[in-house]
Amino acid sequence: MEEVLQILNPMTSTIFWSIVVFIIMVVVLWKLVLKPINNMISKRQEEIREKIDDADRQNEEAKKYLDEQKVKIDKSRLEAKKIIDEGKDVARKIREDIEQKASEKSRTLIDDALAEIKSEKERSLNDVKNEIIEIALDASEKLVSKKLSDEEHKKLIEDSLKELENV
C-alpha cells in the first residue's frame, strides 16, 4: 500500500499543481483574452443590431416612398382619365356644334332655294298672266273689230282672269 501511496503522492502534487496552473491559466485567459473577445463580440452584436435597425428603418422609408408613389400614380391616372373624358366631352360638343351649324346651313340653303323657287314661280305666273293678257287682247281685238285702249283691254282681261280664278 505504501507503494500505492507513493505513487499517488507524487500524483497528488502533480494534480494539485496542474489544477493551480489550470486555474491561473483560466484567470489569465479570462482577463487577457476572454474579456477583449467578449467586448469585441458585444461591439459586433451592437453594430449588427444597429445595421438591422437601420435596414428596417430604410425598409420602412422605402415602403412609405413606394406607397406615396403609388398614390401619385393613382392621382395621375385619375387626372389623365379626367382629361381624356373632358377631351371627349369637348370633341362631342364640337361635333354637335358642327352638326347643328351644318343643319342650320342646310335649312338656310333649303329655305333660300324655296324662296327663290317661289319668286321664280310668281315671276313665271306673272309672265304667263301677261302673255294671257296679250293673247286675250289680241283675241278680243279681233273679236270686237275695233281697237280698245290698252287700259280697257287690261281691265277686261283682269276681270276675265279673276273670273277664271274664282272658277
N, C-alpha and C. Protein backbone atom coordinates (compact mmCIF):
# COMPACT_ATOMS: atom_id res chain seq x y z
N MET A 1 0.78 -1.14 0.00
CA MET A 1 0.00 0.00 0.00
C MET A 1 0.85 1.25 0.00
N GLU A 2 1.86 1.12 0.59
CA GLU A 2 2.79 2.25 0.58
C GLU A 2 3.19 2.58 -0.82
N GLU A 3 3.33 1.58 -1.50
CA GLU A 3 3.70 1.81 -2.89
C GLU A 3 2.61 2.59 -3.60
N VAL A 4 1.44 2.25 -3.26
CA VAL A 4 0.31 2.95 -3.88
C VAL A 4 0.31 4.38 -3.41
N LEU A 5 0.59 4.60 -2.14
CA LEU A 5 0.61 5.95 -1.61
C LEU A 5 1.74 6.74 -2.24
N GLN A 6 2.85 6.12 -2.44
CA GLN A 6 3.96 6.83 -3.06
C GLN A 6 3.60 7.17 -4.52
N ILE A 7 2.93 6.26 -5.09
CA ILE A 7 2.55 6.51 -6.48
C ILE A 7 1.50 7.62 -6.50
N LEU A 8 0.58 7.61 -5.55
CA LEU A 8 -0.46 8.63 -5.52
C LEU A 8 0.08 9.96 -5.04
N ASN A 9 0.99 9.88 -4.13
CA ASN A 9 1.54 11.09 -3.56
C ASN A 9 2.19 11.96 -4.62
N PRO A 10 3.09 11.40 -5.37
CA PRO A 10 3.64 12.28 -6.41
C PRO A 10 2.55 12.75 -7.37
N MET A 11 1.56 11.99 -7.54
CA MET A 11 0.50 12.38 -8.46
C MET A 11 -0.38 13.45 -7.84
N THR A 12 -0.58 13.36 -6.59
CA THR A 12 -1.38 14.37 -5.94
C THR A 12 -0.71 15.72 -6.07
N SER A 13 0.55 15.76 -5.90
CA SER A 13 1.22 17.04 -6.04
C SER A 13 1.17 17.50 -7.49
N THR A 14 1.31 16.61 -8.39
CA THR A 14 1.23 16.97 -9.80
C THR A 14 -0.20 17.41 -10.15
N ILE A 15 -1.14 16.72 -9.62
CA ILE A 15 -2.54 17.07 -9.87
C ILE A 15 -2.84 18.42 -9.24
N PHE A 16 -2.35 18.59 -8.02
CA PHE A 16 -2.58 19.87 -7.35
C PHE A 16 -2.00 21.01 -8.16
N TRP A 17 -0.76 20.86 -8.57
CA TRP A 17 -0.11 21.92 -9.34
C TRP A 17 -0.75 22.06 -10.72
N SER A 18 -1.20 21.01 -11.24
CA SER A 18 -1.89 21.08 -12.54
C SER A 18 -3.18 21.87 -12.39
N ILE A 19 -3.90 21.65 -11.30
CA ILE A 19 -5.16 22.38 -11.06
C ILE A 19 -4.85 23.84 -10.82
N VAL A 20 -3.81 24.13 -10.04
CA VAL A 20 -3.44 25.51 -9.76
C VAL A 20 -3.05 26.21 -11.06
N VAL A 21 -2.25 25.59 -11.86
CA VAL A 21 -1.82 26.17 -13.14
C VAL A 21 -3.04 26.36 -14.05
N PHE A 22 -3.93 25.38 -14.02
CA PHE A 22 -5.14 25.50 -14.85
C PHE A 22 -5.97 26.70 -14.42
N ILE A 23 -6.16 26.87 -13.11
CA ILE A 23 -6.95 27.99 -12.60
C ILE A 23 -6.26 29.31 -12.97
N ILE A 24 -4.95 29.37 -12.82
CA ILE A 24 -4.21 30.59 -13.17
C ILE A 24 -4.36 30.86 -14.67
N MET A 25 -4.28 29.82 -15.45
CA MET A 25 -4.43 29.98 -16.90
C MET A 25 -5.84 30.48 -17.26
N VAL A 26 -6.82 29.94 -16.57
CA VAL A 26 -8.20 30.36 -16.83
C VAL A 26 -8.37 31.82 -16.45
N VAL A 27 -7.81 32.22 -15.29
CA VAL A 27 -7.93 33.62 -14.85
C VAL A 27 -7.19 34.52 -15.83
N VAL A 28 -5.98 34.12 -16.20
CA VAL A 28 -5.20 34.93 -17.15
C VAL A 28 -5.94 35.02 -18.49
N LEU A 29 -6.41 33.90 -18.96
CA LEU A 29 -7.16 33.91 -20.22
C LEU A 29 -8.43 34.76 -20.08
N TRP A 30 -9.10 34.63 -18.94
CA TRP A 30 -10.32 35.42 -18.71
C TRP A 30 -9.99 36.90 -18.75
N LYS A 31 -8.93 37.31 -18.08
CA LYS A 31 -8.57 38.72 -18.00
C LYS A 31 -8.01 39.22 -19.32
N LEU A 32 -7.13 38.49 -19.93
CA LEU A 32 -6.43 38.98 -21.10
C LEU A 32 -7.10 38.64 -22.43
N VAL A 33 -7.75 37.53 -22.52
CA VAL A 33 -8.28 37.10 -23.81
C VAL A 33 -9.81 37.16 -23.84
N LEU A 34 -10.47 36.58 -22.88
CA LEU A 34 -11.93 36.46 -22.95
C LEU A 34 -12.63 37.80 -22.81
N LYS A 35 -12.15 38.69 -21.92
CA LYS A 35 -12.79 39.99 -21.79
C LYS A 35 -12.70 40.79 -23.08
N PRO A 36 -11.52 40.91 -23.72
CA PRO A 36 -11.48 41.62 -25.01
C PRO A 36 -12.31 40.94 -26.08
N ILE A 37 -12.30 39.60 -26.08
CA ILE A 37 -13.12 38.88 -27.07
C ILE A 37 -14.60 39.14 -26.81
N ASN A 38 -15.00 39.09 -25.52
CA ASN A 38 -16.40 39.39 -25.19
C ASN A 38 -16.75 40.83 -25.56
N ASN A 39 -15.83 41.74 -25.30
CA ASN A 39 -16.07 43.14 -25.68
C ASN A 39 -16.21 43.27 -27.20
N MET A 40 -15.34 42.61 -27.94
CA MET A 40 -15.42 42.65 -29.40
C MET A 40 -16.72 42.02 -29.89
N ILE A 41 -17.12 40.94 -29.28
CA ILE A 41 -18.38 40.27 -29.65
C ILE A 41 -19.55 41.19 -29.34
N SER A 42 -19.53 41.84 -28.17
CA SER A 42 -20.60 42.76 -27.80
C SER A 42 -20.68 43.93 -28.77
N LYS A 43 -19.50 44.49 -29.11
CA LYS A 43 -19.49 45.59 -30.08
C LYS A 43 -20.02 45.13 -31.43
N ARG A 44 -19.61 43.96 -31.85
CA ARG A 44 -20.08 43.45 -33.14
C ARG A 44 -21.58 43.20 -33.12
N GLN A 45 -22.09 42.66 -32.00
CA GLN A 45 -23.53 42.46 -31.86
C GLN A 45 -24.27 43.80 -31.92
N GLU A 46 -23.72 44.80 -31.27
CA GLU A 46 -24.34 46.13 -31.28
C GLU A 46 -24.34 46.72 -32.69
N GLU A 47 -23.20 46.57 -33.39
CA GLU A 47 -23.13 47.05 -34.78
C GLU A 47 -24.15 46.33 -35.66
N ILE A 48 -24.26 45.04 -35.46
CA ILE A 48 -25.23 44.25 -36.25
C ILE A 48 -26.65 44.70 -35.93
N ARG A 49 -26.95 44.92 -34.63
CA ARG A 49 -28.27 45.41 -34.26
C ARG A 49 -28.56 46.77 -34.91
N GLU A 50 -27.54 47.67 -34.86
CA GLU A 50 -27.71 48.99 -35.45
C GLU A 50 -27.95 48.88 -36.96
N LYS A 51 -27.19 48.00 -37.62
CA LYS A 51 -27.37 47.83 -39.06
C LYS A 51 -28.73 47.22 -39.38
N ILE A 52 -29.18 46.29 -38.55
CA ILE A 52 -30.51 45.70 -38.75
C ILE A 52 -31.58 46.77 -38.55
N ASP A 53 -31.43 47.57 -37.47
CA ASP A 53 -32.39 48.65 -37.22
C ASP A 53 -32.38 49.66 -38.37
N ASP A 54 -31.17 49.99 -38.84
CA ASP A 54 -31.05 50.93 -39.95
C ASP A 54 -31.70 50.35 -41.21
N ALA A 55 -31.48 49.07 -41.44
CA ALA A 55 -32.08 48.41 -42.61
C ALA A 55 -33.60 48.39 -42.47
N ASP A 56 -34.10 48.11 -41.27
CA ASP A 56 -35.55 48.14 -41.04
C ASP A 56 -36.11 49.54 -41.29
N ARG A 57 -35.40 50.55 -40.78
CA ARG A 57 -35.84 51.93 -40.96
C ARG A 57 -35.84 52.29 -42.46
N GLN A 58 -34.77 51.91 -43.16
CA GLN A 58 -34.72 52.18 -44.60
C GLN A 58 -35.80 51.41 -45.35
N ASN A 59 -36.08 50.21 -44.89
CA ASN A 59 -37.15 49.42 -45.50
C ASN A 59 -38.49 50.11 -45.30
N GLU A 60 -38.75 50.61 -44.10
CA GLU A 60 -39.99 51.33 -43.82
C GLU A 60 -40.08 52.60 -44.67
N GLU A 61 -38.96 53.33 -44.77
CA GLU A 61 -38.94 54.53 -45.60
C GLU A 61 -39.21 54.18 -47.06
N ALA A 62 -38.62 53.09 -47.52
CA ALA A 62 -38.84 52.66 -48.91
C ALA A 62 -40.31 52.29 -49.12
N LYS A 63 -40.91 51.62 -48.12
CA LYS A 63 -42.34 51.27 -48.24
C LYS A 63 -43.19 52.53 -48.28
N LYS A 64 -42.86 53.51 -47.40
CA LYS A 64 -43.61 54.77 -47.41
C LYS A 64 -43.46 55.47 -48.75
N TYR A 65 -42.22 55.51 -49.26
CA TYR A 65 -41.98 56.16 -50.55
C TYR A 65 -42.74 55.44 -51.66
N LEU A 66 -42.72 54.12 -51.61
CA LEU A 66 -43.44 53.32 -52.60
C LEU A 66 -44.94 53.61 -52.53
N ASP A 67 -45.48 53.67 -51.31
CA ASP A 67 -46.90 53.98 -51.14
C ASP A 67 -47.22 55.38 -51.67
N GLU A 68 -46.33 56.35 -51.38
CA GLU A 68 -46.54 57.71 -51.89
C GLU A 68 -46.54 57.71 -53.41
N GLN A 69 -45.61 56.97 -53.99
CA GLN A 69 -45.52 56.92 -55.45
C GLN A 69 -46.77 56.25 -56.04
N LYS A 70 -47.26 55.21 -55.37
CA LYS A 70 -48.49 54.57 -55.84
C LYS A 70 -49.66 55.54 -55.79
N VAL A 71 -49.73 56.33 -54.70
CA VAL A 71 -50.80 57.32 -54.59
C VAL A 71 -50.67 58.36 -55.71
N LYS A 72 -49.44 58.80 -55.97
CA LYS A 72 -49.22 59.79 -57.04
C LYS A 72 -49.59 59.21 -58.40
N ILE A 73 -49.23 57.95 -58.61
CA ILE A 73 -49.57 57.30 -59.88
C ILE A 73 -51.09 57.20 -60.02
N ASP A 74 -51.77 56.82 -58.94
CA ASP A 74 -53.23 56.74 -58.98
C ASP A 74 -53.84 58.11 -59.28
N LYS A 75 -53.30 59.15 -58.62
CA LYS A 75 -53.79 60.51 -58.89
C LYS A 75 -53.56 60.88 -60.34
N SER A 76 -52.38 60.54 -60.85
CA SER A 76 -52.06 60.86 -62.24
C SER A 76 -53.00 60.13 -63.19
N ARG A 77 -53.30 58.88 -62.86
CA ARG A 77 -54.23 58.12 -63.70
C ARG A 77 -55.61 58.77 -63.67
N LEU A 78 -56.05 59.17 -62.49
CA LEU A 78 -57.35 59.82 -62.39
C LEU A 78 -57.37 61.13 -63.17
N GLU A 79 -56.29 61.91 -63.06
CA GLU A 79 -56.21 63.17 -63.81
C GLU A 79 -56.20 62.90 -65.31
N ALA A 80 -55.45 61.89 -65.72
CA ALA A 80 -55.40 61.55 -67.14
C ALA A 80 -56.78 61.12 -67.63
N LYS A 81 -57.46 60.32 -66.84
CA LYS A 81 -58.82 59.89 -67.21
C LYS A 81 -59.74 61.09 -67.29
N LYS A 82 -59.61 62.01 -66.32
CA LYS A 82 -60.43 63.21 -66.32
C LYS A 82 -60.15 64.05 -67.56
N ILE A 83 -58.88 64.21 -67.90
CA ILE A 83 -58.51 64.99 -69.08
C ILE A 83 -59.06 64.33 -70.34
N ILE A 84 -58.94 63.00 -70.41
CA ILE A 84 -59.47 62.29 -71.58
C ILE A 84 -60.98 62.45 -71.67
N ASP A 85 -61.67 62.32 -70.53
CA ASP A 85 -63.12 62.49 -70.52
C ASP A 85 -63.50 63.91 -70.94
N GLU A 86 -62.76 64.90 -70.42
CA GLU A 86 -63.03 66.29 -70.80
C GLU A 86 -62.79 66.48 -72.30
N GLY A 87 -61.72 65.86 -72.81
CA GLY A 87 -61.44 65.95 -74.24
C GLY A 87 -62.56 65.33 -75.06
N LYS A 88 -63.06 64.19 -74.59
CA LYS A 88 -64.17 63.55 -75.29
C LYS A 88 -65.40 64.43 -75.26
N ASP A 89 -65.67 65.06 -74.09
CA ASP A 89 -66.83 65.95 -73.98
C ASP A 89 -66.68 67.14 -74.93
N VAL A 90 -65.47 67.72 -74.95
CA VAL A 90 -65.24 68.86 -75.84
C VAL A 90 -65.41 68.44 -77.29
N ALA A 91 -64.85 67.28 -77.64
CA ALA A 91 -64.98 66.79 -79.02
C ALA A 91 -66.44 66.54 -79.36
N ARG A 92 -67.18 65.97 -78.41
CA ARG A 92 -68.62 65.72 -78.65
C ARG A 92 -69.36 67.03 -78.85
N LYS A 93 -69.05 68.03 -78.02
CA LYS A 93 -69.71 69.33 -78.16
C LYS A 93 -69.36 69.98 -79.49
N ILE A 94 -68.09 69.88 -79.87
CA ILE A 94 -67.68 70.45 -81.15
C ILE A 94 -68.40 69.75 -82.29
N ARG A 95 -68.48 68.41 -82.20
CA ARG A 95 -69.19 67.66 -83.24
C ARG A 95 -70.65 68.07 -83.30
N GLU A 96 -71.29 68.22 -82.12
CA GLU A 96 -72.68 68.64 -82.09
C GLU A 96 -72.85 70.04 -82.67
N ASP A 97 -71.91 70.94 -82.32
CA ASP A 97 -71.98 72.29 -82.87
C ASP A 97 -71.84 72.27 -84.39
N ILE A 98 -70.88 71.47 -84.87
CA ILE A 98 -70.68 71.38 -86.32
C ILE A 98 -71.92 70.81 -86.98
N GLU A 99 -72.49 69.76 -86.39
CA GLU A 99 -73.71 69.17 -86.95
C GLU A 99 -74.85 70.18 -86.93
N GLN A 100 -74.98 70.92 -85.83
CA GLN A 100 -76.04 71.92 -85.72
C GLN A 100 -75.85 73.02 -86.76
N LYS A 101 -74.59 73.49 -86.90
CA LYS A 101 -74.33 74.55 -87.89
C LYS A 101 -74.59 74.04 -89.30
N ALA A 102 -74.18 72.79 -89.56
CA ALA A 102 -74.42 72.21 -90.88
C ALA A 102 -75.92 72.08 -91.13
N SER A 103 -76.64 71.65 -90.11
CA SER A 103 -78.09 71.52 -90.24
C SER A 103 -78.73 72.88 -90.48
N GLU A 104 -78.28 73.87 -89.72
CA GLU A 104 -78.83 75.22 -89.90
C GLU A 104 -78.49 75.75 -91.29
N LYS A 105 -77.26 75.50 -91.74
CA LYS A 105 -76.86 75.98 -93.06
C LYS A 105 -77.68 75.29 -94.14
N SER A 106 -77.89 73.98 -93.98
CA SER A 106 -78.69 73.27 -94.98
C SER A 106 -80.13 73.76 -94.96
N ARG A 107 -80.66 74.03 -93.76
CA ARG A 107 -82.02 74.60 -93.69
C ARG A 107 -82.07 75.96 -94.36
N THR A 108 -81.02 76.77 -94.12
CA THR A 108 -80.97 78.09 -94.73
C THR A 108 -80.91 77.96 -96.25
N LEU A 109 -80.07 77.03 -96.73
CA LEU A 109 -79.97 76.84 -98.17
C LEU A 109 -81.30 76.36 -98.75
N ILE A 110 -81.95 75.45 -98.03
CA ILE A 110 -83.26 74.95 -98.49
C ILE A 110 -84.28 76.08 -98.49
N ASP A 111 -84.28 76.88 -97.40
CA ASP A 111 -85.22 78.00 -97.34
C ASP A 111 -84.95 79.00 -98.45
N ASP A 112 -83.67 79.29 -98.69
CA ASP A 112 -83.32 80.21 -99.77
C ASP A 112 -83.76 79.66 -101.13
N ALA A 113 -83.52 78.33 -101.30
CA ALA A 113 -83.92 77.71 -102.56
C ALA A 113 -85.44 77.74 -102.71
N LEU A 114 -86.17 77.48 -101.62
CA LEU A 114 -87.64 77.53 -101.68
C LEU A 114 -88.12 78.95 -101.98
N ALA A 115 -87.46 79.93 -101.33
CA ALA A 115 -87.85 81.33 -101.59
C ALA A 115 -87.57 81.69 -103.05
N GLU A 116 -86.44 81.24 -103.57
CA GLU A 116 -86.11 81.53 -104.97
C GLU A 116 -87.09 80.84 -105.90
N ILE A 117 -87.43 79.59 -105.54
CA ILE A 117 -88.41 78.86 -106.35
C ILE A 117 -89.75 79.59 -106.34
N LYS A 118 -90.13 80.06 -105.15
CA LYS A 118 -91.41 80.77 -105.02
C LYS A 118 -91.39 82.06 -105.84
N SER A 119 -90.27 82.80 -105.75
CA SER A 119 -90.21 84.05 -106.51
C SER A 119 -90.20 83.76 -108.01
N GLU A 120 -89.48 82.69 -108.41
CA GLU A 120 -89.49 82.31 -109.82
C GLU A 120 -90.89 81.90 -110.25
N LYS A 121 -91.58 81.19 -109.38
CA LYS A 121 -92.95 80.76 -109.69
C LYS A 121 -93.85 81.97 -109.87
N GLU A 122 -93.72 82.94 -108.94
CA GLU A 122 -94.55 84.16 -109.05
C GLU A 122 -94.20 84.93 -110.32
N ARG A 123 -92.89 85.02 -110.61
CA ARG A 123 -92.48 85.72 -111.82
C ARG A 123 -93.02 85.00 -113.05
N SER A 124 -92.94 83.65 -113.01
CA SER A 124 -93.45 82.87 -114.14
C SER A 124 -94.96 83.05 -114.27
N LEU A 125 -95.66 83.04 -113.12
CA LEU A 125 -97.11 83.25 -113.16
C LEU A 125 -97.43 84.64 -113.71
N ASN A 126 -96.65 85.63 -113.27
CA ASN A 126 -96.89 87.00 -113.79
C ASN A 126 -96.61 87.04 -115.30
N ASP A 127 -95.53 86.36 -115.73
CA ASP A 127 -95.22 86.32 -117.17
C ASP A 127 -96.35 85.63 -117.93
N VAL A 128 -96.84 84.51 -117.35
CA VAL A 128 -97.95 83.80 -118.00
C VAL A 128 -99.19 84.68 -118.04
N LYS A 129 -99.46 85.39 -116.95
CA LYS A 129 -100.64 86.30 -116.92
C LYS A 129 -100.49 87.37 -117.99
N ASN A 130 -99.28 87.93 -118.08
CA ASN A 130 -99.07 88.98 -119.08
C ASN A 130 -99.24 88.41 -120.49
N GLU A 131 -98.76 87.19 -120.72
CA GLU A 131 -98.92 86.56 -122.04
C GLU A 131 -100.40 86.32 -122.31
N ILE A 132 -101.09 85.82 -121.27
CA ILE A 132 -102.54 85.57 -121.43
C ILE A 132 -103.25 86.89 -121.73
N ILE A 133 -102.82 87.93 -121.03
CA ILE A 133 -103.45 89.24 -121.26
C ILE A 133 -103.21 89.69 -122.70
N GLU A 134 -101.97 89.51 -123.18
CA GLU A 134 -101.66 89.91 -124.55
C GLU A 134 -102.47 89.09 -125.55
N ILE A 135 -102.55 87.78 -125.26
CA ILE A 135 -103.32 86.92 -126.17
C ILE A 135 -104.79 87.30 -126.13
N ALA A 136 -105.26 87.56 -124.92
CA ALA A 136 -106.67 87.93 -124.79
C ALA A 136 -106.93 89.26 -125.48
N LEU A 137 -105.99 90.18 -125.37
CA LEU A 137 -106.16 91.48 -126.04
C LEU A 137 -106.22 91.30 -127.55
N ASP A 138 -105.30 90.49 -128.03
CA ASP A 138 -105.31 90.25 -129.47
C ASP A 138 -106.61 89.58 -129.91
N ALA A 139 -107.02 88.61 -129.10
CA ALA A 139 -108.26 87.89 -129.46
C ALA A 139 -109.46 88.80 -129.36
N SER A 140 -109.50 89.60 -128.31
CA SER A 140 -110.66 90.48 -128.15
C SER A 140 -110.64 91.57 -129.21
N GLU A 141 -109.46 91.96 -129.62
CA GLU A 141 -109.36 92.99 -130.67
C GLU A 141 -109.92 92.44 -131.97
N LYS A 142 -109.57 91.21 -132.20
CA LYS A 142 -110.08 90.61 -133.41
C LYS A 142 -111.58 90.42 -133.32
N LEU A 143 -112.07 90.04 -132.15
CA LEU A 143 -113.49 89.80 -131.98
C LEU A 143 -114.29 91.09 -132.05
N VAL A 144 -113.81 92.06 -131.45
CA VAL A 144 -114.57 93.30 -131.35
C VAL A 144 -114.38 94.11 -132.63
N SER A 145 -113.38 93.90 -133.33
CA SER A 145 -113.04 94.60 -134.54
C SER A 145 -112.79 96.06 -134.31
N LYS A 146 -112.77 96.40 -133.24
CA LYS A 146 -112.38 97.76 -133.00
C LYS A 146 -111.29 97.72 -131.97
N LYS A 147 -110.63 98.74 -131.95
CA LYS A 147 -109.48 98.76 -131.08
C LYS A 147 -109.86 99.45 -129.80
N LEU A 148 -109.62 98.73 -128.71
CA LEU A 148 -109.86 99.31 -127.41
C LEU A 148 -108.53 99.86 -126.91
N SER A 149 -108.62 100.71 -125.98
CA SER A 149 -107.36 101.22 -125.41
C SER A 149 -106.71 100.12 -124.57
N ASP A 150 -105.43 100.29 -124.37
CA ASP A 150 -104.69 99.27 -123.61
C ASP A 150 -105.26 99.11 -122.20
N GLU A 151 -105.64 100.16 -121.60
CA GLU A 151 -106.18 100.11 -120.23
C GLU A 151 -107.49 99.35 -120.21
N GLU A 152 -108.32 99.57 -121.22
CA GLU A 152 -109.59 98.88 -121.27
C GLU A 152 -109.37 97.38 -121.47
N HIS A 153 -108.40 97.06 -122.36
CA HIS A 153 -108.07 95.66 -122.60
C HIS A 153 -107.57 94.98 -121.33
N LYS A 154 -106.69 95.64 -120.65
CA LYS A 154 -106.14 95.06 -119.41
C LYS A 154 -107.23 94.86 -118.39
N LYS A 155 -108.10 95.84 -118.27
CA LYS A 155 -109.19 95.72 -117.30
C LYS A 155 -110.09 94.56 -117.67
N LEU A 156 -110.41 94.45 -118.95
CA LEU A 156 -111.26 93.37 -119.41
C LEU A 156 -110.60 92.01 -119.14
N ILE A 157 -109.30 91.92 -119.40
CA ILE A 157 -108.58 90.66 -119.20
C ILE A 157 -108.46 90.34 -117.71
N GLU A 158 -108.15 91.33 -116.92
CA GLU A 158 -108.03 91.10 -115.47
C GLU A 158 -109.36 90.63 -114.91
N ASP A 159 -110.42 91.20 -115.37
CA ASP A 159 -111.74 90.75 -114.93
C ASP A 159 -111.96 89.30 -115.34
N SER A 160 -111.55 88.96 -116.56
CA SER A 160 -111.70 87.59 -117.04
C SER A 160 -110.85 86.65 -116.19
N LEU A 161 -109.63 87.08 -115.88
CA LEU A 161 -108.75 86.24 -115.06
C LEU A 161 -109.32 86.04 -113.67
N LYS A 162 -109.87 87.08 -113.10
CA LYS A 162 -110.49 86.96 -111.77
C LYS A 162 -111.62 85.97 -111.80
N GLU A 163 -112.38 86.00 -112.88
CA GLU A 163 -113.49 85.07 -113.02
C GLU A 163 -112.95 83.62 -113.15
N LEU A 164 -111.80 83.50 -113.88
CA LEU A 164 -111.20 82.17 -114.04
C LEU A 164 -110.67 81.66 -112.71
N GLU A 165 -110.06 82.57 -111.94
CA GLU A 165 -109.53 82.18 -110.62
C GLU A 165 -110.64 81.76 -109.68
N ASN A 166 -111.74 82.44 -109.74
CA ASN A 166 -112.89 82.10 -108.89
C ASN A 166 -113.44 80.75 -109.28
N VAL A 167 -113.40 80.43 -110.56
CA VAL A 167 -113.92 79.16 -111.05
C VAL A 167 -112.95 78.08 -110.61
